[in-house]
Protein backbone atom coordinates (compact mmCIF):
# COMPACT_ATOMS: atom_id res chain seq x y z
CA PRO A 1 -7.49 -3.90 11.50
CA THR A 2 -9.92 -4.95 8.79
CA THR A 3 -11.11 -2.81 5.89
CA THR A 4 -14.13 -3.57 3.74
CA GLY A 5 -15.67 -1.93 0.72
CA THR A 6 -17.87 -2.23 -2.33
CA THR A 7 -17.34 -1.37 -5.97
CA ASN A 8 -19.47 -0.26 -8.90
CA GLU A 9 -18.59 -3.58 -10.60
CA ASP A 10 -20.92 -5.49 -8.22
CA GLY A 11 -18.24 -6.71 -5.89
CA GLN A 12 -16.80 -6.27 -2.43
CA TRP A 13 -13.57 -6.90 -0.58
CA PHE A 14 -12.38 -7.68 2.93
CA THR A 15 -8.83 -6.90 4.09
CA PRO A 16 -7.66 -7.93 7.57
CA SER A 17 -4.10 -6.84 8.34
CA VAL A 18 -1.49 -6.97 11.11
CA GLY A 19 1.73 -5.02 11.68
CA LEU A 20 4.68 -4.70 14.02
CA THR A 21 7.28 -1.97 14.63
CA TYR A 22 10.13 -2.68 17.02
CA TRP A 23 13.35 -0.80 17.75
CA PHE A 24 16.18 -2.95 19.12
CA SER A 25 18.08 0.19 20.08
CA THR A 26 17.92 3.93 19.46
CA ARG A 27 19.47 3.35 16.00
CA ASN A 28 18.19 0.01 14.70
CA GLY A 29 14.67 -1.28 14.26
CA ILE A 30 12.31 -3.26 12.06
CA GLU A 31 8.84 -2.80 10.59
CA SER A 32 6.70 -5.63 9.28
CA ASP A 33 3.14 -5.95 8.12
CA PHE A 34 0.92 -8.44 6.36
CA SER A 35 -2.50 -8.10 4.76
CA TYR A 36 -4.90 -10.54 3.17
CA THR A 37 -7.59 -9.43 0.74
CA ARG A 38 -10.55 -11.54 -0.29
CA GLY A 39 -12.13 -10.03 -3.40
CA LEU A 40 -15.67 -11.14 -4.24
CA TYR A 41 -17.44 -10.36 -7.52
CA GLU A 42 -21.13 -11.08 -7.82
CA GLU A 43 -21.05 -12.27 -11.42
CA ASP A 44 -19.01 -12.61 -14.64
CA ARG A 45 -15.67 -12.46 -12.82
CA SER A 46 -13.61 -14.77 -10.67
CA ASP A 47 -13.11 -14.11 -6.98
CA PHE A 48 -9.52 -13.84 -5.77
CA ASN A 49 -7.14 -14.00 -2.81
CA ASN A 50 -4.34 -11.46 -2.41
CA TYR A 51 -1.49 -11.78 0.11
CA ASP A 52 0.80 -8.80 0.71
CA GLY A 53 3.75 -8.87 3.12
CA ARG A 54 6.56 -6.43 3.91
CA LEU A 55 9.68 -6.49 6.08
CA ARG A 56 11.83 -3.38 6.55
CA PHE A 57 15.05 -2.74 8.48
CA ASN A 58 15.71 0.84 9.65
CA HIS A 59 19.02 2.35 10.73
CA ARG A 60 19.22 5.89 12.11
CA PHE A 61 22.35 7.98 11.68
CA THR A 62 20.80 10.72 13.80
CA GLN A 63 17.49 11.12 15.62
CA GLN A 64 15.99 12.62 12.46
CA THR A 65 17.72 10.84 9.55
CA GLY A 66 18.30 7.25 8.57
CA VAL A 67 18.35 4.61 5.84
CA TYR A 68 16.27 1.51 5.24
CA GLY A 69 16.29 -1.76 3.36
CA GLN A 70 12.95 -3.36 2.53
CA TYR A 71 11.59 -6.54 0.98
CA ARG A 72 7.99 -6.84 -0.17
CA GLN A 73 6.14 -9.77 -1.68
CA ILE A 74 2.66 -9.95 -3.22
CA TYR A 75 0.87 -13.17 -4.15
CA ARG A 76 -2.39 -13.17 -6.14
CA THR A 77 -4.52 -16.25 -6.87
CA TRP A 78 -7.81 -16.37 -8.79
CA ASP A 79 -10.47 -18.96 -7.96
CA ASP A 80 -11.16 -19.47 -11.68
CA PRO A 81 -8.85 -17.43 -13.95
CA SER A 82 -10.88 -18.37 -17.04
CA ASP A 83 -13.74 -16.21 -15.69
CA THR A 84 -11.61 -13.06 -15.54
CA THR A 85 -10.25 -11.22 -18.56
CA VAL A 86 -8.75 -7.76 -19.02
CA ASP A 87 -8.63 -6.39 -22.60
CA GLY A 88 -9.41 -9.89 -23.88
CA THR A 89 -6.52 -11.50 -21.98
CA GLU A 90 -7.18 -14.12 -19.30
CA GLU A 91 -5.95 -13.09 -15.87
CA GLN A 92 -3.37 -15.36 -14.27
CA ASP A 93 -2.02 -15.98 -10.78
CA TYR A 94 1.15 -14.03 -10.07
CA LEU A 95 3.89 -13.53 -7.52
CA VAL A 96 5.79 -10.25 -7.08
CA TYR A 97 9.25 -9.86 -5.51
CA ALA A 98 10.18 -6.25 -4.70
CA PRO A 99 13.34 -5.30 -2.76
CA SER A 100 14.12 -1.61 -2.21
CA VAL A 101 16.45 0.74 -0.33
CA GLY A 102 16.05 4.38 0.67
CA VAL A 103 16.40 7.18 3.18
CA PHE A 104 13.96 8.72 5.67
CA HIS A 105 13.97 12.05 7.50
CA GLN A 106 11.89 13.89 10.09
CA PHE A 107 11.92 17.56 9.10
CA ASP A 108 10.05 18.68 12.24
CA PRO A 109 7.51 17.16 14.68
CA THR A 110 4.74 17.57 12.09
CA MET A 111 6.51 16.53 8.87
CA THR A 112 8.21 13.29 7.83
CA GLY A 113 9.37 11.95 4.50
CA SER A 114 11.13 9.07 2.79
CA ILE A 115 12.34 8.23 -0.70
CA GLY A 116 13.79 5.05 -2.11
CA VAL A 117 14.39 3.02 -5.25
CA GLY A 118 13.56 -0.59 -5.87
CA TYR A 119 13.24 -3.30 -8.48
CA PHE A 120 10.30 -5.64 -8.91
CA TYR A 121 9.95 -8.98 -10.64
CA GLN A 122 6.43 -10.20 -11.37
CA GLN A 123 6.27 -13.93 -12.04
CA VAL A 124 3.05 -14.71 -13.94
CA LYS A 125 1.68 -18.24 -14.11
CA ASP A 126 1.38 -19.35 -17.76
CA GLY A 127 2.04 -15.77 -18.85
CA ASN A 128 4.69 -13.18 -19.59
CA ASP A 129 6.79 -12.16 -16.58
CA GLN A 130 7.33 -8.45 -15.96
CA SER A 131 10.13 -6.57 -14.23
CA GLY A 132 11.43 -3.06 -13.77
CA PRO A 133 12.53 -0.31 -11.39
CA PHE A 134 10.20 1.76 -9.24
CA ILE A 135 10.40 4.78 -6.94
CA SER A 136 9.00 4.44 -3.42
CA SER A 137 8.29 7.73 -1.64
CA GLU A 138 6.10 9.19 1.07
CA LEU A 139 5.66 12.66 2.55
CA ASN A 140 3.39 13.38 5.54
CA LYS A 141 2.51 16.83 6.87
CA LEU A 142 0.17 17.50 9.82
CA TRP A 143 -1.53 20.74 10.78
CA ASP A 144 -3.03 20.41 14.25
CA PHE A 145 -5.62 22.94 15.47
CA GLN A 146 -6.62 21.21 18.75
CA ARG A 147 -10.22 20.17 17.99
CA TRP A 148 -9.48 19.51 14.33
CA SER A 149 -6.51 18.69 12.13
CA ILE A 150 -5.47 18.34 8.48
CA ARG A 151 -3.05 15.69 7.23
CA LEU A 152 -1.50 15.84 3.75
CA ARG A 153 0.13 12.70 2.35
CA THR A 154 1.82 12.07 -0.98
CA ALA A 155 3.16 8.66 -1.91
CA SER A 156 4.39 6.52 -4.81
CA GLY A 157 5.38 2.89 -5.22
CA ILE A 158 3.86 -0.46 -6.21
CA ASP A 159 0.58 -2.04 -5.16
CA SER A 160 -2.21 -4.44 -6.08
CA GLN A 161 -5.37 -2.52 -6.93
CA ASP A 162 -8.74 -3.85 -8.02
CA PHE A 163 -11.81 -1.99 -6.86
CA THR A 164 -11.00 1.72 -6.71
CA GLY A 165 -9.79 2.66 -10.18
CA ASP A 166 -9.69 1.82 -13.88
CA GLN A 167 -6.46 -0.14 -13.54
CA GLU A 168 -6.63 -3.58 -11.96
CA GLY A 169 -4.05 -5.93 -10.49
CA PHE A 170 -0.40 -5.17 -9.90
CA GLU A 171 0.73 -1.63 -10.78
CA ARG A 172 2.97 1.35 -10.09
CA PHE A 173 1.11 4.28 -8.54
CA ALA A 174 1.34 7.86 -7.25
CA LEU A 175 -1.22 9.51 -4.97
CA VAL A 176 -2.12 12.60 -2.96
CA ASP A 177 -4.41 12.35 0.09
CA VAL A 178 -5.89 15.08 2.27
CA ILE A 179 -7.49 13.87 5.53
CA THR A 180 -9.45 16.27 7.74
CA ARG A 181 -10.31 15.10 11.27
CA TYR A 182 -12.62 16.69 13.83
CA ASN A 183 -12.55 15.58 17.46
CA PHE A 184 -16.08 15.74 18.87
CA THR A 185 -14.85 14.37 22.22
CA ARG A 186 -11.66 12.73 23.49
CA ASP A 187 -12.91 9.33 22.28
CA LEU A 188 -15.06 10.29 19.26
CA PHE A 189 -13.88 11.81 16.00
CA GLY A 190 -14.87 12.02 12.34
CA ASP A 191 -12.71 11.95 9.19
CA LEU A 192 -13.17 13.41 5.72
CA ARG A 193 -10.76 12.13 3.09
CA LEU A 194 -10.11 13.40 -0.42
CA GLY A 195 -7.56 11.81 -2.70
CA VAL A 196 -6.21 11.54 -6.23
CA ARG A 197 -4.42 8.41 -7.45
CA TYR A 198 -2.54 7.92 -10.72
CA SER A 199 -1.46 4.52 -12.01
């Protein structure tokens, strides 16, 4: 899929992405995904490229419960870093390495959750490297009423964020999303999404 958007800072972004989930057996499987973001500012700031990839191995102990090991990598490059400053500091290209491990569980057919711990290392070109632990978690709950449904999602982890908040670049985050969907027909539906993100 591809997502696009605009921002109140006179910019826009495009994010094509691909993903794969494959189970070798009833107990072992992998998940992988990759996204590319092209961020375009109209003036006073440099455009950028962002590459984000993830590979995760899952092992189920039972049909409902399992463990995972995951590796994620984020690479950010600016077309002209000298055009982009945050709090008076010139932005630099960076590379993030972020392994993590955790557990996942399906509480019932409408509710799933996972929680894990990880450690990131952010290598900054011509700058100060950063590192530290992070908590990765997600909880999904679905209420299905035939023609319409409500999905509640909470999550935390690490991400690269630029256009949808006060913080920019690589960050830890926590969020709550509520998505309401109405099915007009079998092939046509509409979504309403409300969310709060802290970083």
